[in-house]
Amino acid sequence: MDTSRVEKLPQIEEGIEEIEDVEDAEEFPSSSTMTDLVLCDLGLADIPLRYLHSTTFYSPENIRELVLSHNAFFELSGISAFVNLITLNVASNSLTSLPDEIGCLSKLRYLDARNNLLDGLPKTMCSFTEVENINLSGNRIEQLPNAIFNMPKLRVLHLGGNLIDQLPYAIGSLTSLEILYLGGNRLQEVPATIGCLERLTSLALCDNILETIPHTLGELKHLESLSLHNNNLKTLPTEIINLRNLQQLSLRNNPLVHHFVHNMELEPPTLKELAGRVVRVRMSKLPLKDIMPREVLDYLQSACQCVNPKCKGVYFDARVEHVKFVDFCGKYRVPLLQFLCSPKCKAGTPTIAIETSSSESEDDVFQPRMRRVLLG
């Protein structure tokens, strides 16, 4: 949005000036053509009353875009006068909250309230069924406002630079999202339901304290940009190689860039698991469904297949965490976390990996390719 596009409106003065003659009327554009009201960077603490009331030559109901950014607002009153607003920009003020009357703006599609002191959104915004773009970056929000989950058309959501330490499972309900920015918060983990955001093309989780990311990120088939830099990631889930449309992957300043784990870790399986593994592998040949209790069958069905394509083994709770370097997108090699059923089971390369030419050793291709993806 170009805020330099300012309508020829009357100069702001102290007090209230009524339009009583033609000379005053010439200061207002025709009410039939005026759609934008730009009052940015004027040191305002309130919306001047002249813009809140209809006259012969002006009506706030005709305003479609209202820009109040870079002023000195501590609270926002009178906003309900602009009932047909499509765009509202109140960025870079000192707002600690948005008024309940904002719920009257039923046609609003774009809200820019970044760089304020907001800690949430009013409940009245639950009626914002037409909103497509919300920017709440640079505030004091500690958890995702509930009102956001009632916006079925929301495509772009910016929540960077806040105090969010946890994402609710309900994040997966925002299925219209295409851009989600959560950088600069306090996230320690991301729920697996984020894999439900099938339309997502850009996801920013940078500048948090993440140690892992869910394997369901591999289900974001349309993802083009993934920012994970400045976290505590040591590995990536193998499923990330399913992101065939990914064009930008930022991983710099993570432990996986500077330190790679090559050893295997395994907690010895219990006798229950050892027995369950044997039965699970052979149960297709036995009539177990007719003789096994339901809870035992449920346990057997919960087994996970070893990622080694040459291994038919399964595991339940005891698994081997193994880091394997693989080609990613045919351009670079990244450490991926794999789960094996046994330390003796060597994982095969995932099927989407691109093999290097026989003339290149692993050391030859590793450094330049890793530099491009991890440090870029």
Protein backbone atom coordinates (compact mmCIF):
# COMPACT_ATOMS: atom_id res chain seq x y z
CA MET A 1 0.00 0.00 0.00
CA ASP A 2 1.44 3.36 -1.06
CA THR A 3 0.87 5.80 1.81
CA SER A 4 2.17 8.69 -0.31
CA ARG A 5 -1.17 8.60 -2.14
CA VAL A 6 -2.89 11.29 -0.05
CA GLU A 7 -6.24 12.81 -0.89
CA LYS A 8 -6.64 16.60 -0.93
CA LEU A 9 -8.35 16.93 2.41
CA PRO A 10 -8.70 20.01 4.63
CA GLN A 11 -5.69 20.76 6.80
CA ILE A 12 -5.96 19.39 10.35
CA GLU A 13 -6.46 22.17 12.89
CA GLU A 14 -7.38 22.32 16.54
CA GLY A 15 -11.08 22.44 17.28
CA ILE A 16 -14.04 21.61 15.04
CA GLU A 17 -14.78 23.48 11.84
CA GLU A 18 -18.24 23.06 10.32
CA ILE A 19 -18.71 23.21 6.57
CA GLU A 20 -21.24 25.92 6.05
CA ASP A 21 -20.52 27.43 2.68
CA VAL A 22 -19.19 26.59 -0.73
CA GLU A 23 -15.72 27.89 0.11
CA ASP A 24 -15.39 25.25 2.85
CA ALA A 25 -16.95 22.59 0.65
CA GLU A 26 -14.26 22.98 -1.97
CA GLU A 27 -11.75 21.61 0.54
CA PHE A 28 -13.52 18.22 0.50
CA PRO A 29 -13.42 15.97 -2.56
CA SER A 30 -16.73 14.86 -4.01
CA SER A 31 -18.31 12.27 -1.73
CA SER A 32 -18.97 10.07 -4.75
CA THR A 33 -15.27 9.82 -5.65
CA MET A 34 -13.50 9.90 -2.28
CA THR A 35 -12.50 6.38 -1.24
CA ASP A 36 -9.18 6.83 0.63
CA LEU A 37 -8.51 8.83 3.78
CA VAL A 38 -4.80 9.04 4.58
CA LEU A 39 -3.92 10.74 7.86
CA CYS A 40 -0.50 9.27 8.56
CA ASP A 41 2.47 10.86 10.33
CA LEU A 42 0.53 13.87 11.62
CA GLY A 43 0.99 13.40 15.37
CA LEU A 44 -2.71 12.65 15.85
CA ALA A 45 -4.04 11.22 19.12
CA ASP A 46 -7.66 11.08 17.90
CA ILE A 47 -9.45 10.95 14.58
CA PRO A 48 -10.53 14.57 13.91
CA LEU A 49 -14.28 14.90 14.38
CA ARG A 50 -14.70 16.44 10.95
CA TYR A 51 -14.03 13.01 9.44
CA LEU A 52 -16.53 11.16 11.64
CA HIS A 53 -19.70 12.97 10.55
CA SER A 54 -21.48 13.18 7.22
CA THR A 55 -22.04 16.47 5.42
CA THR A 56 -23.37 17.42 2.03
CA PHE A 57 -19.90 17.01 0.59
CA TYR A 58 -18.38 14.16 2.64
CA SER A 59 -19.42 10.91 4.29
CA PRO A 60 -17.25 8.47 6.29
CA GLU A 61 -19.40 5.69 4.84
CA ASN A 62 -17.73 6.24 1.46
CA ILE A 63 -14.23 5.62 2.81
CA ARG A 64 -12.78 2.25 1.74
CA GLU A 65 -9.19 2.72 2.94
CA LEU A 66 -8.23 4.48 6.17
CA VAL A 67 -4.55 5.05 7.00
CA LEU A 68 -3.72 6.28 10.51
CA SER A 69 -0.17 4.94 10.78
CA HIS A 70 2.76 6.70 12.46
CA ASN A 71 0.71 8.84 14.78
CA ALA A 72 0.26 8.99 18.58
CA PHE A 73 -2.91 6.98 19.12
CA PHE A 74 -3.25 5.36 22.55
CA GLU A 75 -6.80 4.29 21.79
CA LEU A 76 -8.95 4.26 18.69
CA SER A 77 -12.41 5.78 18.98
CA GLY A 78 -14.96 6.66 16.34
CA ILE A 79 -13.81 3.91 14.00
CA SER A 80 -17.36 2.56 13.63
CA ALA A 81 -18.24 5.59 11.49
CA PHE A 82 -16.32 4.02 8.60
CA VAL A 83 -18.69 1.09 8.21
CA ASN A 84 -17.61 0.24 4.65
CA LEU A 85 -13.87 0.07 5.29
CA ILE A 86 -11.95 -2.56 3.37
CA THR A 87 -8.45 -1.55 4.51
CA LEU A 88 -7.46 -0.22 7.95
CA ASN A 89 -3.87 0.74 8.73
CA VAL A 90 -3.09 1.74 12.33
CA ALA A 91 0.55 0.63 12.30
CA SER A 92 3.25 2.30 14.40
CA ASN A 93 1.13 3.90 17.08
CA SER A 94 0.90 3.23 20.83
CA LEU A 95 -2.32 1.24 20.86
CA THR A 96 -2.66 -1.15 23.79
CA SER A 97 -5.92 -2.56 22.44
CA LEU A 98 -8.37 -2.26 19.58
CA PRO A 99 -11.88 -1.07 20.44
CA ASP A 100 -14.89 -3.38 20.49
CA GLU A 101 -16.56 -1.13 17.93
CA ILE A 102 -14.12 -2.39 15.31
CA GLY A 103 -16.47 -5.36 15.04
CA CYS A 104 -18.81 -3.12 13.05
CA LEU A 105 -16.39 -3.16 10.11
CA SER A 106 -17.89 -6.29 8.61
CA LYS A 107 -16.39 -5.65 5.15
CA LEU A 108 -12.80 -5.33 6.35
CA ARG A 109 -10.29 -7.41 4.39
CA TYR A 110 -6.92 -5.97 5.41
CA LEU A 111 -5.81 -4.95 8.90
CA ASP A 112 -2.34 -3.59 9.58
CA ALA A 113 -1.76 -3.07 13.30
CA ARG A 114 1.96 -3.85 13.51
CA ASN A 115 4.34 -2.04 15.85
CA ASN A 116 1.89 -1.23 18.63
CA LEU A 117 1.45 -2.49 22.19
CA LEU A 118 -1.40 -4.92 21.54
CA ASP A 119 -1.75 -8.08 23.62
CA GLY A 120 -4.72 -9.50 21.73
CA LEU A 121 -7.79 -8.79 19.62
CA PRO A 122 -11.32 -7.95 20.77
CA LYS A 123 -13.92 -10.73 20.70
CA THR A 124 -16.04 -8.65 18.34
CA MET A 125 -13.55 -9.45 15.58
CA CYS A 126 -14.94 -12.98 15.50
CA SER A 127 -17.44 -11.58 12.99
CA PHE A 128 -14.66 -10.71 10.52
CA THR A 129 -15.56 -13.35 7.94
CA GLU A 130 -14.12 -11.39 5.00
CA VAL A 131 -10.64 -10.65 6.38
CA GLU A 132 -7.83 -11.93 4.15
CA ASN A 133 -4.70 -10.23 5.50
CA ILE A 134 -3.73 -9.39 9.09
CA ASN A 135 -0.40 -7.97 10.26
CA LEU A 136 0.12 -7.98 14.03
CA SER A 137 3.92 -8.11 14.08
CA GLY A 138 5.83 -6.13 16.68
CA ASN A 139 3.27 -6.24 19.49
CA ARG A 140 3.01 -7.94 22.90
CA ILE A 141 0.84 -10.90 21.95
CA GLU A 142 1.52 -14.04 24.02
CA GLN A 143 -0.93 -16.41 22.34
CA LEU A 144 -2.84 -16.50 19.08
CA PRO A 145 -6.06 -14.48 19.50
CA ASN A 146 -9.16 -16.67 19.34
CA ALA A 147 -10.79 -14.28 16.87
CA ILE A 148 -8.30 -15.38 14.20
CA PHE A 149 -9.77 -18.89 14.13
CA ASN A 150 -13.12 -17.46 13.00
CA MET A 151 -11.71 -15.96 9.79
CA PRO A 152 -12.26 -18.58 7.06
CA LYS A 153 -10.79 -16.43 4.26
CA LEU A 154 -7.56 -15.48 6.05
CA ARG A 155 -4.69 -15.91 3.57
CA VAL A 156 -1.85 -13.89 5.13
CA LEU A 157 -1.02 -13.78 8.85
CA HIS A 158 1.99 -11.93 10.27
CA LEU A 159 2.70 -12.42 13.99
CA GLY A 160 6.45 -11.85 14.06
CA GLY A 161 8.21 -10.11 16.92
CA ASN A 162 5.71 -11.00 19.63
CA LEU A 163 5.87 -13.11 22.82
CA ILE A 164 4.19 -16.28 21.57
CA ASP A 165 5.62 -19.42 23.20
CA GLN A 166 3.06 -21.96 22.05
CA LEU A 167 0.92 -22.62 19.01
CA PRO A 168 -2.48 -24.22 19.56
CA TYR A 169 -3.50 -27.35 17.67
CA ALA A 170 -6.24 -25.21 16.14
CA ILE A 171 -3.63 -23.61 13.87
CA GLY A 172 -4.45 -26.43 11.47
CA SER A 173 -7.96 -25.05 10.99
CA LEU A 174 -6.70 -21.99 9.09
CA THR A 175 -6.77 -23.91 5.83
CA SER A 176 -6.88 -20.80 3.62
CA LEU A 177 -3.50 -19.54 4.85
CA GLU A 178 -0.87 -18.99 2.17
CA ILE A 179 1.66 -16.97 4.19
CA LEU A 180 2.37 -17.52 7.89
CA TYR A 181 5.08 -15.49 9.63
CA LEU A 182 5.93 -16.44 13.21
CA GLY A 183 9.56 -15.33 13.35
CA GLY A 184 10.94 -13.61 16.43
CA ASN A 185 8.80 -15.29 19.06
CA ARG A 186 9.50 -17.85 21.82
CA LEU A 187 8.27 -21.03 20.20
CA GLN A 188 9.76 -24.25 21.54
CA GLU A 189 7.73 -26.57 19.35
CA VAL A 190 5.26 -26.57 16.49
CA PRO A 191 2.14 -28.79 16.55
CA ALA A 192 1.80 -31.49 13.93
CA THR A 193 -1.48 -29.93 12.77
CA ILE A 194 0.50 -27.32 10.87
CA GLY A 195 0.69 -29.95 8.15
CA CYS A 196 -3.01 -29.29 7.48
CA LEU A 197 -2.23 -25.88 5.94
CA GLU A 198 -2.18 -27.29 2.42
CA ARG A 199 -2.19 -23.89 0.65
CA LEU A 200 0.83 -22.56 2.51
CA THR A 201 3.53 -21.19 0.21
CA SER A 202 5.65 -19.33 2.79
CA LEU A 203 6.36 -20.32 6.40
CA ALA A 204 8.69 -18.39 8.71
CA LEU A 205 9.65 -19.97 12.04
CA CYS A 206 13.00 -18.21 12.33
CA ASP A 207 14.36 -16.58 15.50
CA ASN A 208 12.64 -18.90 17.95
CA ILE A 209 14.00 -21.68 20.19
CA LEU A 210 12.83 -24.71 18.23
CA GLU A 211 14.73 -27.95 18.71
CA THR A 212 12.61 -29.98 16.31
CA ILE A 213 10.04 -29.43 13.61
CA PRO A 214 7.16 -31.85 12.97
CA HIS A 215 7.45 -34.39 10.17
CA THR A 216 4.06 -33.17 8.91
CA LEU A 217 5.82 -30.19 7.33
CA GLY A 218 6.50 -32.62 4.52
CA GLU A 219 2.78 -32.49 3.68
CA LEU A 220 2.94 -28.80 2.67
CA LYS A 221 3.19 -29.60 -1.03
CA HIS A 222 2.90 -25.97 -2.18
CA LEU A 223 5.54 -24.58 0.20
CA GLU A 224 8.11 -22.43 -1.62
CA SER A 225 9.88 -20.67 1.26
CA LEU A 226 10.80 -22.12 4.66
CA SER A 227 12.74 -19.97 7.16
CA LEU A 228 14.19 -21.87 10.12
CA HIS A 229 17.34 -19.85 10.88
CA ASN A 230 18.33 -18.83 14.41
CA ASN A 231 16.83 -21.81 16.23
CA ASN A 232 18.24 -24.85 18.08
CA LEU A 233 17.66 -27.42 15.34
CA LYS A 234 20.08 -30.33 15.20
CA THR A 235 18.34 -32.32 12.47
CA LEU A 236 15.46 -32.16 10.04
CA PRO A 237 12.74 -34.78 9.58
CA THR A 238 13.21 -36.97 6.54
CA GLU A 239 9.78 -35.96 5.23
CA ILE A 240 11.13 -32.52 4.34
CA ILE A 241 12.48 -33.95 1.09
CA ASN A 242 8.87 -34.24 -0.08
CA LEU A 243 8.74 -30.44 -0.47
CA ARG A 244 9.43 -30.49 -4.20
CA ASN A 245 8.29 -26.88 -4.73
CA LEU A 246 10.63 -25.50 -2.06
CA GLN A 247 12.85 -22.77 -3.50
CA GLN A 248 14.23 -21.11 -0.36
CA LEU A 249 15.36 -22.94 2.77
CA SER A 250 17.14 -20.92 5.45
CA LEU A 251 18.88 -22.88 8.24
CA ARG A 252 21.79 -20.67 9.29
CA ASN A 253 22.68 -20.30 12.97
CA ASN A 254 21.36 -23.71 14.01
CA PRO A 255 23.42 -26.43 15.68
CA LEU A 256 22.93 -28.62 12.59
CA VAL A 257 25.09 -26.18 10.64
CA HIS A 258 28.03 -26.36 13.01
CA HIS A 259 27.72 -29.74 14.68
CA PHE A 260 26.40 -32.96 13.21
CA VAL A 261 25.47 -36.07 15.14
CA HIS A 262 26.70 -39.26 13.48
CA ASN A 263 26.15 -41.78 16.25
CA MET A 264 23.06 -43.85 16.91
CA GLU A 265 21.08 -43.63 20.11
CA LEU A 266 18.79 -46.39 21.32
CA GLU A 267 16.92 -47.22 24.49
CA PRO A 268 16.69 -51.02 24.84
CA PRO A 269 13.19 -52.22 23.94
CA THR A 270 11.00 -53.80 26.61
CA LEU A 271 9.98 -57.44 26.51
CA LYS A 272 6.50 -56.27 25.54
CA GLU A 273 7.90 -54.44 22.53
CA LEU A 274 10.15 -57.31 21.49
CA ALA A 275 7.18 -59.67 21.57
CA GLY A 276 5.01 -57.14 19.80
CA ARG A 277 7.54 -56.73 17.00
CA VAL A 278 7.61 -60.46 16.28
CA VAL A 279 3.83 -60.78 16.32
CA ARG A 280 3.33 -57.63 14.24
CA VAL A 281 5.64 -58.82 11.47
CA ARG A 282 3.93 -62.21 11.30
CA MET A 283 0.35 -61.27 12.10
CA SER A 284 -0.68 -61.09 8.45
CA LYS A 285 -0.25 -64.86 8.30
CA LEU A 286 -2.14 -65.60 11.51
CA PRO A 287 -5.86 -65.34 12.37
CA LEU A 288 -5.13 -62.95 15.23
CA LYS A 289 -8.22 -60.80 14.78
CA ASP A 290 -10.39 -63.66 15.95
CA ILE A 291 -8.47 -64.48 19.12
CA MET A 292 -6.71 -61.28 20.22
CA PRO A 293 -8.28 -58.77 22.66
CA ARG A 294 -9.09 -55.42 21.06
CA GLU A 295 -6.53 -53.45 23.12
CA VAL A 296 -3.75 -55.83 22.05
CA LEU A 297 -4.73 -55.47 18.40
CA ASP A 298 -4.72 -51.69 18.75
CA TYR A 299 -1.21 -51.85 20.18
CA LEU A 300 0.02 -54.04 17.35
CA GLN A 301 -1.54 -51.73 14.77
CA SER A 302 0.36 -48.76 16.26
CA ALA A 303 3.71 -50.13 15.09
CA CYS A 304 5.86 -47.93 12.82
CA GLN A 305 7.74 -49.28 9.84
CA CYS A 306 11.52 -48.99 9.76
CA VAL A 307 12.59 -46.43 7.13
CA ASN A 308 15.14 -48.79 5.63
CA PRO A 309 13.40 -50.01 2.44
CA LYS A 310 15.28 -53.30 2.69
CA CYS A 311 14.11 -53.96 6.24
CA LYS A 312 10.73 -55.43 7.14
CA GLY A 313 11.14 -54.62 10.83
CA VAL A 314 8.86 -52.45 12.93
CA TYR A 315 9.16 -50.56 16.21
CA PHE A 316 6.80 -49.18 18.85
CA ASP A 317 8.45 -46.97 21.48
CA ALA A 318 12.09 -48.01 21.22
CA ARG A 319 13.66 -46.68 18.07
CA VAL A 320 17.07 -45.73 16.80
CA GLU A 321 17.51 -42.05 16.00
CA HIS A 322 19.93 -41.82 13.14
CA VAL A 323 21.14 -38.79 11.20
CA LYS A 324 21.77 -39.31 7.51
CA PHE A 325 23.02 -36.77 5.00
CA VAL A 326 21.08 -36.81 1.76
CA ASP A 327 20.84 -34.74 -1.39
CA PHE A 328 17.97 -32.26 -1.21
CA CYS A 329 16.36 -30.81 -4.33
CA GLY A 330 19.41 -31.96 -6.28
CA LYS A 331 21.38 -28.95 -4.99
CA TYR A 332 22.66 -29.53 -1.48
CA ARG A 333 23.03 -32.09 1.28
CA VAL A 334 21.26 -31.77 4.61
CA PRO A 335 21.17 -33.89 7.78
CA LEU A 336 17.85 -35.68 8.08
CA LEU A 337 16.58 -37.55 11.11
CA GLN A 338 15.59 -41.15 10.47
CA PHE A 339 14.08 -43.76 12.76
CA LEU A 340 15.33 -47.32 12.54
CA CYS A 341 14.21 -50.47 14.32
CA SER A 342 17.71 -51.61 15.31
CA PRO A 343 21.30 -50.31 15.50
CA LYS A 344 22.24 -53.10 13.09
CA CYS A 345 19.79 -51.81 10.52
CA LYS A 346 21.48 -49.42 8.11
CA ALA A 347 19.06 -46.94 6.59
CA GLY A 348 18.86 -46.70 2.86
CA THR A 349 18.81 -43.37 1.11
CA PRO A 350 15.28 -41.91 0.82
CA THR A 351 13.78 -42.48 -2.57
CA ILE A 352 13.57 -38.77 -3.48
CA ALA A 353 17.26 -38.13 -2.91
CA ILE A 354 19.39 -37.32 -5.95
CA GLU A 355 22.55 -39.33 -6.31
CA THR A 356 25.81 -37.53 -6.94
CA SER A 357 27.95 -38.44 -9.92
CA SER A 358 30.44 -41.20 -9.46
CA SER A 359 33.32 -38.79 -10.06
CA GLU A 360 32.36 -36.73 -6.98
CA SER A 361 33.17 -37.88 -3.49
CA GLU A 362 30.85 -37.04 -0.63
CA ASP A 363 33.39 -34.58 0.76
CA ASP A 364 33.65 -32.84 -2.63
CA VAL A 365 29.96 -32.01 -2.86
CA PHE A 366 29.14 -31.67 0.81
CA GLN A 367 30.71 -28.31 1.64
CA PRO A 368 29.49 -26.10 -1.24
CA ARG A 369 26.00 -27.57 -1.24
CA MET A 370 25.60 -27.27 2.52
CA ARG A 371 26.79 -23.69 2.37
CA ARG A 372 24.06 -22.79 -0.09
CA VAL A 373 21.20 -24.18 1.93
CA LEU A 374 22.36 -23.77 5.50
CA LEU A 375 24.14 -20.45 5.40
CA GLY A 376 22.14 -18.74 2.67
